């Protein structure tokens, strides 16, 4: 990205950081919460974590568009979505390998 220009590079970095920070926030909120045997409490913690993640994502996008000038919106959103779809892509790639290991067992 740095080969294109600096604005594209830091816009892409900001998109990746938004995706990473919000996912980390969700994980911290869900997995460091009190572990109970109450399904309703666990479900509530997941919902609150997801709501917090959505609000934090919106706030971070607003902050980027307001505070960073100039911003390359295409690079920002492309890297944001790329970071989010990476686990799905890795899972799809790994499925045939897991199937072979399961058949061999």
Protein backbone atom coordinates (compact mmCIF):
# COMPACT_ATOMS: atom_id res chain seq x y z
CA UNK A 1 0.00 0.00 0.00
CA UNK A 2 2.87 2.37 0.70
CA UNK A 3 3.82 2.10 -2.96
CA UNK A 4 0.53 3.71 -3.96
CA UNK A 5 0.76 6.68 -1.57
CA UNK A 6 0.93 7.44 2.13
CA UNK A 7 -2.79 8.28 2.47
CA UNK A 8 -3.72 4.86 1.11
CA UNK A 9 -1.25 3.16 3.46
CA UNK A 10 -2.47 4.78 6.66
CA UNK A 11 -6.10 4.44 5.56
CA UNK A 12 -5.53 0.70 5.10
CA UNK A 13 -3.77 0.52 8.47
CA UNK A 14 -6.69 2.30 10.12
CA UNK A 15 -9.17 -0.17 8.56
CA UNK A 16 -7.17 -3.13 9.78
CA UNK A 17 -6.84 -1.65 13.25
CA UNK A 18 -10.57 -0.96 13.49
CA UNK A 19 -11.38 -4.59 12.67
CA UNK A 20 -8.70 -5.96 15.00
CA UNK A 21 -9.40 -3.71 17.98
CA UNK A 22 -13.16 -4.22 17.87
CA UNK A 23 -12.80 -8.00 17.58
CA UNK A 24 -10.34 -8.02 20.47
CA UNK A 25 -12.74 -5.91 22.53
CA UNK A 26 -15.53 -8.41 21.83
CA UNK A 27 -13.32 -11.34 22.83
CA UNK A 28 -12.26 -9.66 26.06
CA UNK A 29 -15.83 -8.81 26.98
CA UNK A 30 -17.12 -12.31 26.26
CA UNK A 31 -14.33 -14.50 27.57
CA UNK A 32 -13.32 -12.54 30.67
CA UNK A 33 -16.89 -12.21 31.88
CA UNK A 34 -17.97 -14.27 34.84
CA UNK A 35 -18.42 -17.81 33.68
CA UNK A 36 -21.72 -19.13 34.95
CA UNK A 37 -23.91 -22.08 34.22
CA UNK A 38 -26.78 -19.71 33.49
CA UNK A 39 -27.41 -19.68 29.73
CA UNK A 40 -29.36 -16.42 29.97
CA UNK A 41 -26.41 -14.66 31.64
CA UNK A 42 -23.99 -15.99 29.03
CA UNK A 43 -26.29 -14.97 26.20
CA UNK A 44 -26.70 -11.51 27.70
CA UNK A 45 -22.91 -11.09 27.86
CA UNK A 46 -22.65 -12.04 24.18
CA UNK A 47 -25.35 -9.56 23.22
CA UNK A 48 -23.79 -6.73 25.24
CA UNK A 49 -20.36 -7.51 23.82
CA UNK A 50 -21.74 -7.42 20.27
CA UNK A 51 -23.59 -4.15 20.90
CA UNK A 52 -20.41 -2.65 22.34
CA UNK A 53 -18.48 -3.88 19.31
CA UNK A 54 -20.93 -2.28 16.88
CA UNK A 55 -20.90 1.04 18.74
CA UNK A 56 -17.10 1.00 19.00
CA UNK A 57 -16.80 0.19 15.29
CA UNK A 58 -19.04 3.10 14.37
CA UNK A 59 -17.18 5.47 16.68
CA UNK A 60 -13.83 4.41 15.26
CA UNK A 61 -14.98 4.88 11.66
CA UNK A 62 -16.34 8.32 12.51
CA UNK A 63 -13.07 9.21 14.23
CA UNK A 64 -11.05 8.08 11.21
CA UNK A 65 -13.15 10.05 8.73
CA UNK A 66 -13.13 13.16 10.94
CA UNK A 67 -9.54 13.13 12.21
CA UNK A 68 -7.56 11.74 9.28
CA UNK A 69 -7.32 13.99 6.25
CA UNK A 70 -7.07 12.86 3.48
CA UNK A 71 -8.46 9.39 3.94
CA UNK A 72 -8.77 6.79 1.22
CA UNK A 73 -12.19 5.29 1.93
CA UNK A 74 -11.73 2.42 -0.50
CA UNK A 75 -8.51 1.25 1.16
CA UNK A 76 -10.00 1.72 4.63
CA UNK A 77 -13.07 -0.40 3.89
CA UNK A 78 -11.24 -2.97 1.76
CA UNK A 79 -8.75 -3.81 4.50
CA UNK A 80 -11.48 -3.68 7.16
CA UNK A 81 -13.49 -6.33 5.30
CA UNK A 82 -10.36 -8.30 4.39
CA UNK A 83 -9.46 -8.63 8.07
CA UNK A 84 -13.00 -9.77 8.85
CA UNK A 85 -13.24 -12.40 6.13
CA UNK A 86 -9.78 -13.87 6.72
CA UNK A 87 -10.96 -16.41 9.37
CA UNK A 88 -13.74 -17.61 7.07
CA UNK A 89 -11.35 -18.02 4.14
CA UNK A 90 -8.86 -19.90 6.31
CA UNK A 91 -11.65 -22.17 7.56
CA UNK A 92 -12.81 -22.94 4.02
CA UNK A 93 -9.25 -23.71 2.96
CA UNK A 94 -8.71 -25.97 5.98
CA UNK A 95 -11.95 -27.97 5.59
CA UNK A 96 -10.62 -30.48 3.03
CA UNK A 97 -7.62 -31.13 5.26
CA UNK A 98 -9.86 -31.72 8.29
CA UNK A 99 -12.06 -34.07 6.26
CA UNK A 100 -9.04 -36.13 5.21
CA UNK A 101 -7.83 -36.32 8.83
CA UNK A 102 -11.29 -37.41 9.98
CA UNK A 103 -11.55 -40.17 7.36
CA UNK A 104 -8.11 -41.49 8.27
CA UNK A 105 -8.96 -41.70 11.97
